[in-house]
Amino acid sequence: MTGAVYDVLACIVALAIPVAAVTVVAEFVDACKPRWYHTLPVLRRSALLAGLLLPLAALWEGPGAEIWAPDRIFQVDGPWDIGFPEMLSERLVPYLHALPAVYLRSYDAPLLVRIAIALHGLLLLVALLLPFRFWPFREALRATFCGALIACTASLLALYIVNAGYWLLHQFSFWLVAAVGLLFQRFRLHREHRARGH
Protein backbone atom coordinates (compact mmCIF):
# COMPACT_ATOMS: atom_id res chain seq x y z
CA MET A 1 0.00 0.00 0.00
CA THR A 2 1.47 3.33 -1.03
CA GLY A 3 1.93 6.17 1.42
CA ALA A 4 -0.65 8.37 -0.30
CA VAL A 5 -3.34 5.68 -0.18
CA TYR A 6 -2.56 4.99 3.47
CA ASP A 7 -2.84 8.71 4.30
CA VAL A 8 -6.21 8.97 2.54
CA LEU A 9 -7.54 5.90 4.36
CA ALA A 10 -6.27 7.25 7.69
CA CYS A 11 -8.09 10.55 7.10
CA ILE A 12 -11.31 8.70 6.20
CA VAL A 13 -11.04 6.59 9.38
CA ALA A 14 -10.35 9.71 11.46
CA LEU A 15 -13.51 11.35 10.12
CA ALA A 16 -15.63 8.19 10.41
CA ILE A 17 -14.83 7.43 14.06
CA PRO A 18 -16.89 10.25 15.67
CA VAL A 19 -19.80 9.72 13.27
CA ALA A 20 -19.89 6.00 14.05
CA ALA A 21 -19.52 6.59 17.80
CA VAL A 22 -22.37 9.11 17.93
CA THR A 23 -24.62 6.82 15.86
CA VAL A 24 -23.96 3.77 18.04
CA VAL A 25 -24.36 5.63 21.33
CA ALA A 26 -27.55 7.37 20.16
CA GLU A 27 -29.07 4.01 19.22
CA PHE A 28 -27.97 2.50 22.53
CA VAL A 29 -29.45 5.38 24.54
CA ASP A 30 -32.66 5.13 22.53
CA ALA A 31 -32.91 1.43 23.38
CA CYS A 32 -32.13 1.87 27.10
CA LYS A 33 -33.99 5.07 27.99
CA PRO A 34 -37.13 4.94 30.14
CA ARG A 35 -40.49 6.09 28.83
CA TRP A 36 -40.91 9.85 28.39
CA TYR A 37 -37.15 10.41 28.60
CA HIS A 38 -37.40 12.70 25.57
CA THR A 39 -39.85 14.98 27.42
CA LEU A 40 -37.08 16.03 29.83
CA PRO A 41 -34.36 17.47 27.58
CA VAL A 42 -32.64 18.94 30.65
CA LEU A 43 -31.29 15.46 31.42
CA ARG A 44 -29.64 15.00 28.03
CA ARG A 45 -28.41 18.58 27.82
CA SER A 46 -26.90 18.62 31.30
CA ALA A 47 -25.13 15.32 30.62
CA LEU A 48 -23.83 16.61 27.28
CA LEU A 49 -22.59 19.91 28.74
CA ALA A 50 -20.99 18.12 31.68
CA GLY A 51 -19.18 15.85 29.25
CA LEU A 52 -17.88 18.79 27.22
CA LEU A 53 -16.67 20.88 30.17
CA LEU A 54 -14.26 18.29 31.58
CA PRO A 55 -12.16 18.00 28.38
CA LEU A 56 -11.89 21.80 28.23
CA ALA A 57 -10.34 21.76 31.68
CA ALA A 58 -8.11 18.82 30.74
CA LEU A 59 -6.86 20.55 27.59
CA TRP A 60 -6.10 23.68 29.60
CA GLU A 61 -4.26 21.82 32.35
CA GLY A 62 -3.03 18.77 30.45
CA PRO A 63 0.48 17.91 29.26
CA GLY A 64 2.19 19.76 26.42
CA ALA A 65 -0.06 22.81 26.15
CA GLU A 66 2.36 24.38 23.64
CA ILE A 67 1.28 21.94 20.91
CA TRP A 68 -2.06 23.77 20.64
CA ALA A 69 -0.50 26.98 19.33
CA PRO A 70 -1.97 27.64 15.85
CA ASP A 71 1.47 28.00 14.27
CA ARG A 72 2.34 24.43 15.30
CA ILE A 73 -0.41 22.90 13.15
CA PHE A 74 1.37 23.29 9.80
CA GLN A 75 4.93 22.97 11.09
CA VAL A 76 7.04 20.40 9.24
CA ASP A 77 8.37 17.81 11.73
CA GLY A 78 6.11 19.48 14.30
CA PRO A 79 3.83 17.84 16.87
CA TRP A 80 1.13 17.06 14.29
CA ASP A 81 3.45 15.77 11.56
CA ILE A 82 2.81 12.18 12.65
CA GLY A 83 0.76 9.20 11.56
CA PHE A 84 -2.79 8.46 12.69
CA PRO A 85 -1.79 5.69 15.18
CA GLU A 86 0.86 8.00 16.67
CA MET A 87 -1.72 10.77 16.98
CA LEU A 88 -3.90 8.44 19.03
CA SER A 89 -1.11 7.09 21.25
CA GLU A 90 1.03 10.23 21.67
CA ARG A 91 -1.58 13.02 21.63
CA LEU A 92 -4.99 11.62 22.60
CA VAL A 93 -4.10 8.95 25.17
CA PRO A 94 -2.13 11.28 27.52
CA TYR A 95 -5.18 13.55 27.76
CA LEU A 96 -7.45 10.59 28.45
CA HIS A 97 -5.12 9.67 31.31
CA ALA A 98 -5.19 13.29 32.50
CA LEU A 99 -8.99 13.44 32.87
CA PRO A 100 -9.15 11.99 36.42
CA ALA A 101 -6.20 14.14 37.51
CA VAL A 102 -8.10 17.30 36.56
CA TYR A 103 -10.16 16.93 39.76
CA LEU A 104 -7.09 16.29 41.92
CA ARG A 105 -5.31 19.40 40.64
CA SER A 106 -8.36 21.65 40.64
CA TYR A 107 -7.50 23.32 43.97
CA ASP A 108 -4.55 25.21 42.43
CA ALA A 109 -5.86 25.42 38.85
CA PRO A 110 -6.64 28.75 37.15
CA LEU A 111 -10.02 30.28 37.94
CA LEU A 112 -11.60 29.38 34.59
CA VAL A 113 -10.58 25.74 35.02
CA ARG A 114 -12.06 25.62 38.53
CA ILE A 115 -15.30 27.15 37.23
CA ALA A 116 -15.44 24.57 34.41
CA ILE A 117 -14.87 21.70 36.85
CA ALA A 118 -17.50 23.04 39.27
CA LEU A 119 -20.06 23.39 36.48
CA HIS A 120 -19.15 19.92 35.23
CA GLY A 121 -19.85 18.42 38.67
CA LEU A 122 -23.11 20.31 39.07
CA LEU A 123 -24.44 19.35 35.63
CA LEU A 124 -23.38 15.74 36.12
CA LEU A 125 -25.29 15.56 39.40
CA VAL A 126 -28.38 16.92 37.64
CA ALA A 127 -28.09 14.31 34.88
CA LEU A 128 -27.51 11.42 37.29
CA LEU A 129 -29.76 12.25 40.25
CA LEU A 130 -32.71 14.18 38.82
CA PRO A 131 -34.24 11.04 37.20
CA PHE A 132 -35.02 9.67 40.68
CA ARG A 133 -37.45 12.54 41.13
CA PHE A 134 -39.51 11.57 38.08
CA TRP A 135 -39.34 7.77 37.72
CA PRO A 136 -39.53 4.69 39.94
CA PHE A 137 -36.14 3.35 41.00
CA ARG A 138 -35.51 0.92 38.13
CA GLU A 139 -36.63 3.38 35.46
CA ALA A 140 -34.54 6.10 37.10
CA LEU A 141 -31.49 3.85 36.99
CA ARG A 142 -31.95 3.48 33.25
CA ALA A 143 -32.15 7.25 32.84
CA THR A 144 -29.06 7.67 35.02
CA PHE A 145 -27.18 5.14 32.90
CA CYS A 146 -28.18 7.06 29.75
CA GLY A 147 -26.93 10.30 31.28
CA ALA A 148 -23.62 8.75 32.30
CA LEU A 149 -23.17 7.26 28.83
CA ILE A 150 -23.88 10.60 27.14
CA ALA A 151 -21.46 12.44 29.45
CA CYS A 152 -18.65 9.90 28.95
CA THR A 153 -19.14 9.82 25.18
CA ALA A 154 -19.14 13.62 24.99
CA SER A 155 -15.88 13.82 26.98
CA LEU A 156 -14.09 11.20 24.90
CA LEU A 157 -15.35 12.55 21.58
CA ALA A 158 -14.50 16.15 22.48
CA LEU A 159 -10.89 15.18 23.20
CA TYR A 160 -10.75 13.04 20.08
CA ILE A 161 -12.23 15.73 17.83
CA VAL A 162 -9.78 18.38 19.03
CA ASN A 163 -6.77 16.10 18.51
CA ALA A 164 -8.03 14.65 15.23
CA GLY A 165 -8.98 18.14 14.04
CA TYR A 166 -5.44 19.44 14.52
CA TRP A 167 -4.04 16.32 12.88
CA LEU A 168 -6.40 16.57 9.90
CA LEU A 169 -5.58 20.25 9.44
CA HIS A 170 -1.92 19.30 9.20
CA GLN A 171 -2.69 16.50 6.73
CA PHE A 172 -4.72 18.81 4.51
CA SER A 173 -2.42 21.82 4.95
CA PHE A 174 -1.31 21.83 1.29
CA TRP A 175 -4.88 21.75 0.04
CA LEU A 176 -5.99 24.39 2.54
CA VAL A 177 -3.22 26.74 1.48
CA ALA A 178 -4.03 26.07 -2.19
CA ALA A 179 -7.74 26.75 -1.61
CA VAL A 180 -7.02 30.00 0.25
CA GLY A 181 -4.67 31.05 -2.54
CA LEU A 182 -7.32 30.37 -5.19
CA LEU A 183 -9.95 32.30 -3.23
CA PHE A 184 -7.59 35.23 -2.78
CA GLN A 185 -6.71 35.21 -6.48
CA ARG A 186 -10.39 35.14 -7.44
CA PHE A 187 -11.16 38.00 -5.05
CA ARG A 188 -8.24 40.06 -6.43
CA LEU A 189 -9.30 39.49 -10.06
CA HIS A 190 -12.89 40.37 -9.16
CA ARG A 191 -11.76 43.67 -7.59
CA GLU A 192 -9.62 44.50 -10.63
CA HIS A 193 -12.54 43.67 -12.91
CA ARG A 194 -14.85 46.02 -10.99
CA ALA A 195 -12.18 48.74 -10.82
CA ARG A 196 -12.03 48.75 -14.65
CA GLY A 197 -15.78 49.36 -14.67
CA HIS A 198 -16.88 46.02 -16.18
C-alpha atoms as a PDB file:
ATOM      1  CA  MET A   1       0.000   0.000   0.000  1.00  0.00           C
ATOM      2  CA  THR A   2       1.469   3.334  -1.034  1.00  0.00           C
ATOM      3  CA  GLY A   3       1.927   6.167   1.423  1.00  0.00           C
ATOM      4  CA  ALA A   4      -0.654   8.374  -0.303  1.00  0.00           C
ATOM      5  CA  VAL A   5      -3.337   5.677  -0.180  1.00  0.00           C
ATOM      6  CA  TYR A   6      -2.563   4.993   3.474  1.00  0.00           C
ATOM      7  CA  ASP A   7      -2.841   8.710   4.298  1.00  0.00           C
ATOM      8  CA  VAL A   8      -6.210   8.974   2.543  1.00  0.00           C
ATOM      9  CA  LEU A   9      -7.541   5.901   4.358  1.00  0.00           C
ATOM     10  CA  ALA A  10      -6.269   7.254   7.688  1.00  0.00           C
ATOM     11  CA  CYS A  11      -8.092  10.545   7.103  1.00  0.00           C
ATOM     12  CA  ILE A  12     -11.307   8.703   6.202  1.00  0.00           C
ATOM     13  CA  VAL A  13     -11.044   6.593   9.378  1.00  0.00           C
ATOM     14  CA  ALA A  14     -10.350   9.711  11.462  1.00  0.00           C
ATOM     15  CA  LEU A  15     -13.514  11.350  10.125  1.00  0.00           C
ATOM     16  CA  ALA A  16     -15.630   8.194  10.411  1.00  0.00           C
ATOM     17  CA  ILE A  17     -14.827   7.432  14.062  1.00  0.00           C
ATOM     18  CA  PRO A  18     -16.894  10.248  15.671  1.00  0.00           C
ATOM     19  CA  VAL A  19     -19.800   9.720  13.269  1.00  0.00           C
ATOM     20  CA  ALA A  20     -19.890   6.000  14.048  1.00  0.00           C
ATOM     21  CA  ALA A  21     -19.519   6.593  17.795  1.00  0.00           C
ATOM     22  CA  VAL A  22     -22.375   9.112  17.934  1.00  0.00           C
ATOM     23  CA  THR A  23     -24.617   6.825  15.864  1.00  0.00           C
ATOM     24  CA  VAL A  24     -23.956   3.767  18.036  1.00  0.00           C
ATOM     25  CA  VAL A  25     -24.360   5.632  21.335  1.00  0.00           C
ATOM     26  CA  ALA A  26     -27.545   7.369  20.158  1.00  0.00           C
ATOM     27  CA  GLU A  27     -29.070   4.011  19.217  1.00  0.00           C
ATOM     28  CA  PHE A  28     -27.973   2.500  22.532  1.00  0.00           C
ATOM     29  CA  VAL A  29     -29.452   5.382  24.541  1.00  0.00           C
ATOM     30  CA  ASP A  30     -32.664   5.134  22.532  1.00  0.00           C
ATOM     31  CA  ALA A  31     -32.907   1.432  23.379  1.00  0.00           C
ATOM     32  CA  CYS A  32     -32.133   1.870  27.098  1.00  0.00           C
ATOM     33  CA  LYS A  33     -33.986   5.071  27.992  1.00  0.00           C
ATOM     34  CA  PRO A  34     -37.132   4.945  30.135  1.00  0.00           C
ATOM     35  CA  ARG A  35     -40.487   6.086  28.832  1.00  0.00           C
ATOM     36  CA  TRP A  36     -40.912   9.849  28.388  1.00  0.00           C
ATOM     37  CA  TYR A  37     -37.149  10.415  28.602  1.00  0.00           C
ATOM     38  CA  HIS A  38     -37.397  12.698  25.566  1.00  0.00           C
ATOM     39  CA  THR A  39     -39.846  14.976  27.419  1.00  0.00           C
ATOM     40  CA  LEU A  40     -37.079  16.033  29.832  1.00  0.00           C
ATOM     41  CA  PRO A  41     -34.359  17.475  27.577  1.00  0.00           C
ATOM     42  CA  VAL A  42     -32.637  18.944  30.654  1.00  0.00           C
ATOM     43  CA  LEU A  43     -31.293  15.457  31.419  1.00  0.00           C
ATOM     44  CA  ARG A  44     -29.641  14.999  28.033  1.00  0.00           C
ATOM     45  CA  ARG A  45     -28.412  18.581  27.816  1.00  0.00           C
ATOM     46  CA  SER A  46     -26.902  18.620  31.296  1.00  0.00           C
ATOM     47  CA  ALA A  47     -25.130  15.320  30.617  1.00  0.00           C
ATOM     48  CA  LEU A  48     -23.828  16.613  27.281  1.00  0.00           C
ATOM     49  CA  LEU A  49     -22.587  19.912  28.735  1.00  0.00           C
ATOM     50  CA  ALA A  50     -20.992  18.120  31.684  1.00  0.00           C
ATOM     51  CA  GLY A  51     -19.183  15.848  29.251  1.00  0.00           C
ATOM     52  CA  LEU A  52     -17.885  18.788  27.218  1.00  0.00           C
ATOM     53  CA  LEU A  53     -16.674  20.876  30.175  1.00  0.00           C
ATOM     54  CA  LEU A  54     -14.260  18.290  31.575  1.00  0.00           C
ATOM     55  CA  PRO A  55     -12.159  18.001  28.379  1.00  0.00           C
ATOM     56  CA  LEU A  56     -11.893  21.796  28.229  1.00  0.00           C
ATOM     57  CA  ALA A  57     -10.340  21.756  31.678  1.00  0.00           C
ATOM     58  CA  ALA A  58      -8.105  18.822  30.743  1.00  0.00           C
ATOM     59  CA  LEU A  59      -6.860  20.550  27.590  1.00  0.00           C
ATOM     60  CA  TRP A  60      -6.099  23.677  29.605  1.00  0.00           C
ATOM     61  CA  GLU A  61      -4.263  21.821  32.347  1.00  0.00           C
ATOM     62  CA  GLY A  62      -3.025  18.769  30.454  1.00  0.00           C
ATOM     63  CA  PRO A  63       0.477  17.907  29.257  1.00  0.00           C
ATOM     64  CA  GLY A  64       2.194  19.757  26.423  1.00  0.00           C
ATOM     65  CA  ALA A  65      -0.063  22.810  26.151  1.00  0.00           C
ATOM     66  CA  GLU A  66       2.363  24.376  23.641  1.00  0.00           C
ATOM     67  CA  ILE A  67       1.276  21.943  20.911  1.00  0.00           C
ATOM     68  CA  TRP A  68      -2.064  23.769  20.641  1.00  0.00           C
ATOM     69  CA  ALA A  69      -0.505  26.978  19.326  1.00  0.00           C
ATOM     70  CA  PRO A  70      -1.971  27.645  15.845  1.00  0.00           C
ATOM     71  CA  ASP A  71       1.471  28.001  14.271  1.00  0.00           C
ATOM     72  CA  ARG A  72       2.343  24.428  15.303  1.00  0.00           C
ATOM     73  CA  ILE A  73      -0.410  22.905  13.147  1.00  0.00           C
ATOM     74  CA  PHE A  74       1.372  23.290   9.800  1.00  0.00           C
ATOM     75  CA  GLN A  75       4.926  22.967  11.092  1.00  0.00           C
ATOM     76  CA  VAL A  76       7.045  20.398   9.239  1.00  0.00           C
ATOM     77  CA  ASP A  77       8.369  17.814  11.730  1.00  0.00           C
ATOM     78  CA  GLY A  78       6.106  19.481  14.299  1.00  0.00           C
ATOM     79  CA  PRO A  79       3.829  17.839  16.875  1.00  0.00           C
ATOM     80  CA  TRP A  80       1.133  17.060  14.288  1.00  0.00           C
ATOM     81  CA  ASP A  81       3.448  15.767  11.559  1.00  0.00           C
ATOM     82  CA  ILE A  82       2.811  12.179  12.653  1.00  0.00           C
ATOM     83  CA  GLY A  83       0.759   9.195  11.556  1.00  0.00           C
ATOM     84  CA  PHE A  84      -2.785   8.464  12.691  1.00  0.00           C
ATOM     85  CA  PRO A  85      -1.788   5.693  15.177  1.00  0.00           C
ATOM     86  CA  GLU A  86       0.856   7.996  16.674  1.00  0.00           C
ATOM     87  CA  MET A  87      -1.723  10.775  16.984  1.00  0.00           C
ATOM     88  CA  LEU A  88      -3.904   8.442  19.032  1.00  0.00           C
ATOM     89  CA  SER A  89      -1.113   7.094  21.254  1.00  0.00           C
ATOM     90  CA  GLU A  90       1.026  10.231  21.673  1.00  0.00           C
ATOM     91  CA  ARG A  91      -1.575  13.024  21.631  1.00  0.00           C
ATOM     92  CA  LEU A  92      -4.993  11.625  22.602  1.00  0.00           C
ATOM     93  CA  VAL A  93      -4.103   8.946  25.174  1.00  0.00           C
ATOM     94  CA  PRO A  94      -2.126  11.285  27.515  1.00  0.00           C
ATOM     95  CA  TYR A  95      -5.181  13.549  27.759  1.00  0.00           C
ATOM     96  CA  LEU A  96      -7.450  10.593  28.453  1.00  0.00           C
ATOM     97  CA  HIS A  97      -5.120   9.672  31.315  1.00  0.00           C
ATOM     98  CA  ALA A  98      -5.195  13.287  32.499  1.00  0.00           C
ATOM     99  CA  LEU A  99      -8.994  13.441  32.870  1.00  0.00           C
ATOM    100  CA  PRO A 100      -9.146  11.986  36.419  1.00  0.00           C
ATOM    101  CA  ALA A 101      -6.204  14.137  37.511  1.00  0.00           C
ATOM    102  CA  VAL A 102      -8.104  17.299  36.564  1.00  0.00           C
ATOM    103  CA  TYR A 103     -10.159  16.933  39.756  1.00  0.00           C
ATOM    104  CA  LEU A 104      -7.091  16.289  41.918  1.00  0.00           C
ATOM    105  CA  ARG A 105      -5.309  19.398  40.645  1.00  0.00           C
ATOM    106  CA  SER A 106      -8.362  21.650  40.635  1.00  0.00           C
ATOM    107  CA  TYR A 107      -7.499  23.322  43.969  1.00  0.00           C
ATOM    108  CA  ASP A 108      -4.549  25.208  42.431  1.00  0.00           C
ATOM    109  CA  ALA A 109      -5.860  25.424  38.853  1.00  0.00           C
ATOM    110  CA  PRO A 110      -6.638  28.752  37.151  1.00  0.00           C
ATOM    111  CA  LEU A 111     -10.021  30.281  37.940  1.00  0.00           C
ATOM    112  CA  LEU A 112     -11.597  29.378  34.593  1.00  0.00           C
ATOM    113  CA  VAL A 113     -10.578  25.738  35.022  1.00  0.00           C
ATOM    114  CA  ARG A 114     -12.063  25.624  38.525  1.00  0.00           C
ATOM    115  CA  ILE A 115     -15.297  27.147  37.228  1.00  0.00           C
ATOM    116  CA  ALA A 116     -15.441  24.570  34.406  1.00  0.00           C
ATOM    117  CA  ILE A 117     -14.874  21.697  36.850  1.00  0.00           C
ATOM    118  CA  ALA A 118     -17.495  23.036  39.273  1.00  0.00           C
ATOM    119  CA  LEU A 119     -20.065  23.386  36.480  1.00  0.00           C
ATOM    120  CA  HIS A 120     -19.152  19.920  35.233  1.00  0.00           C
ATOM    121  CA  GLY A 121     -19.851  18.417  38.667  1.00  0.00           C
ATOM    122  CA  LEU A 122     -23.112  20.307  39.071  1.00  0.00           C
ATOM    123  CA  LEU A 123     -24.439  19.347  35.635  1.00  0.00           C
ATOM    124  CA  LEU A 124     -23.381  15.744  36.116  1.00  0.00           C
ATOM    125  CA  LEU A 125     -25.292  15.562  39.403  1.00  0.00           C
ATOM    126  CA  VAL A 126     -28.379  16.921  37.642  1.00  0.00           C
ATOM    127  CA  ALA A 127     -28.087  14.309  34.883  1.00  0.00           C
ATOM    128  CA  LEU A 128     -27.507  11.417  37.287  1.00  0.00           C
ATOM    129  CA  LEU A 129     -29.759  12.248  40.254  1.00  0.00           C
ATOM    130  CA  LEU A 130     -32.712  14.176  38.816  1.00  0.00           C
ATOM    131  CA  PRO A 131     -34.237  11.043  37.200  1.00  0.00           C
ATOM    132  CA  PHE A 132     -35.019   9.667  40.680  1.00  0.00           C
ATOM    133  CA  ARG A 133     -37.454  12.540  41.129  1.00  0.00           C
ATOM    134  CA  PHE A 134     -39.515  11.568  38.078  1.00  0.00           C
ATOM    135  CA  TRP A 135     -39.345   7.771  37.718  1.00  0.00           C
ATOM    136  CA  PRO A 136     -39.531   4.694  39.937  1.00  0.00           C
ATOM    137  CA  PHE A 137     -36.143   3.346  41.001  1.00  0.00           C
ATOM    138  CA  ARG A 138     -35.513   0.920  38.133  1.00  0.00           C
ATOM    139  CA  GLU A 139     -36.632   3.379  35.464  1.00  0.00           C
ATOM    140  CA  ALA A 140     -34.542   6.105  37.097  1.00  0.00           C
ATOM    141  CA  LEU A 141     -31.486   3.845  36.993  1.00  0.00           C
ATOM    142  CA  ARG A 142     -31.949   3.477  33.249  1.00  0.00           C
ATOM    143  CA  ALA A 143     -32.155   7.251  32.841  1.00  0.00           C
ATOM    144  CA  THR A 144     -29.056   7.672  35.015  1.00  0.00           C
ATOM    145  CA  PHE A 145     -27.185   5.142  32.896  1.00  0.00           C
ATOM    146  CA  CYS A 146     -28.179   7.057  29.749  1.00  0.00           C
ATOM    147  CA  GLY A 147     -26.930  10.304  31.276  1.00  0.00           C
ATOM    148  CA  ALA A 148     -23.619   8.753  32.304  1.00  0.00           C
ATOM    149  CA  LEU A 149     -23.170   7.263  28.830  1.00  0.00           C
ATOM    150  CA  ILE A 150     -23.885  10.595  27.141  1.00  0.00           C
ATOM    151  CA  ALA A 151     -21.455  12.442  29.446  1.00  0.00           C
ATOM    152  CA  CYS A 152     -18.649   9.895  28.948  1.00  0.00           C
ATOM    153  CA  THR A 153     -19.142   9.822  25.182  1.00  0.00           C
ATOM    154  CA  ALA A 154     -19.139  13.620  24.986  1.00  0.00           C
ATOM    155  CA  SER A 155     -15.883  13.819  26.977  1.00  0.00           C
ATOM    156  CA  LEU A 156     -14.089  11.201  24.899  1.00  0.00           C
ATOM    157  CA  LEU A 157     -15.346  12.549  21.576  1.00  0.00           C
ATOM    158  CA  ALA A 158     -14.498  16.148  22.484  1.00  0.00           C
ATOM    159  CA  LEU A 159     -10.893  15.185  23.201  1.00  0.00           C
ATOM    160  CA  TYR A 160     -10.752  13.040  20.081  1.00  0.00           C
ATOM    161  CA  ILE A 161     -12.230  15.732  17.826  1.00  0.00           C
ATOM    162  CA  VAL A 162      -9.777  18.380  19.031  1.00  0.00           C
ATOM    163  CA  ASN A 163      -6.768  16.104  18.514  1.00  0.00           C
ATOM    164  CA  ALA A 164      -8.027  14.653  15.226  1.00  0.00           C
ATOM    165  CA  GLY A 165      -8.983  18.139  14.040  1.00  0.00           C
ATOM    166  CA  TYR A 166      -5.440  19.443  14.519  1.00  0.00           C
ATOM    167  CA  TRP A 167      -4.035  16.317  12.879  1.00  0.00           C
ATOM    168  CA  LEU A 168      -6.396  16.569   9.896  1.00  0.00           C
ATOM    169  CA  LEU A 169      -5.580  20.252   9.443  1.00  0.00           C
ATOM    170  CA  HIS A 170      -1.919  19.302   9.201  1.00  0.00           C
ATOM    171  CA  GLN A 171      -2.687  16.496   6.732  1.00  0.00           C
ATOM    172  CA  PHE A 172      -4.721  18.813   4.510  1.00  0.00           C
ATOM    173  CA  SER A 173      -2.416  21.819   4.946  1.00  0.00           C
ATOM    174  CA  PHE A 174      -1.311  21.826   1.294  1.00  0.00           C
ATOM    175  CA  TRP A 175      -4.884  21.749   0.042  1.00  0.00           C
ATOM    176  CA  LEU A 176      -5.993  24.393   2.537  1.00  0.00           C
ATOM    177  CA  VAL A 177      -3.218  26.744   1.480  1.00  0.00           C
ATOM    178  CA  ALA A 178      -4.034  26.071  -2.194  1.00  0.00           C
ATOM    179  CA  ALA A 179      -7.745  26.746  -1.613  1.00  0.00           C
ATOM    180  CA  VAL A 180      -7.016  30.000   0.250  1.00  0.00           C
ATOM    181  CA  GLY A 181      -4.671  31.046  -2.544  1.00  0.00           C
ATOM    182  CA  LEU A 182      -7.318  30.370  -5.194  1.00  0.00           C
ATOM    183  CA  LEU A 183      -9.949  32.295  -3.232  1.00  0.00           C
ATOM    184  CA  PHE A 184      -7.587  35.230  -2.784  1.00  0.00           C
ATOM    185  CA  GLN A 185      -6.715  35.211  -6.484  1.00  0.00           C
ATOM    186  CA  ARG A 186     -10.394  35.142  -7.444  1.00  0.00           C
ATOM    187  CA  PHE A 187     -11.160  38.003  -5.047  1.00  0.00           C
ATOM    188  CA  ARG A 188      -8.241  40.058  -6.429  1.00  0.00           C
ATOM    189  CA  LEU A 189      -9.305  39.493 -10.057  1.00  0.00           C
ATOM    190  CA  HIS A 190     -12.893  40.374  -9.165  1.00  0.00           C
ATOM    191  CA  ARG A 191     -11.761  43.670  -7.591  1.00  0.00           C
ATOM    192  CA  GLU A 192      -9.621  44.502 -10.631  1.00  0.00           C
ATOM    193  CA  HIS A 193     -12.536  43.673 -12.913  1.00  0.00           C
ATOM    194  CA  ARG A 194     -14.852  46.016 -10.986  1.00  0.00           C
ATOM    195  CA  ALA A 195     -12.181  48.738 -10.819  1.00  0.00           C
ATOM    196  CA  ARG A 196     -12.029  48.752 -14.650  1.00  0.00           C
ATOM    197  CA  GLY A 197     -15.783  49.362 -14.674  1.00  0.00           C
ATOM    198  CA  HIS A 198     -16.876  46.015 -16.183  1.00  0.00           C
END
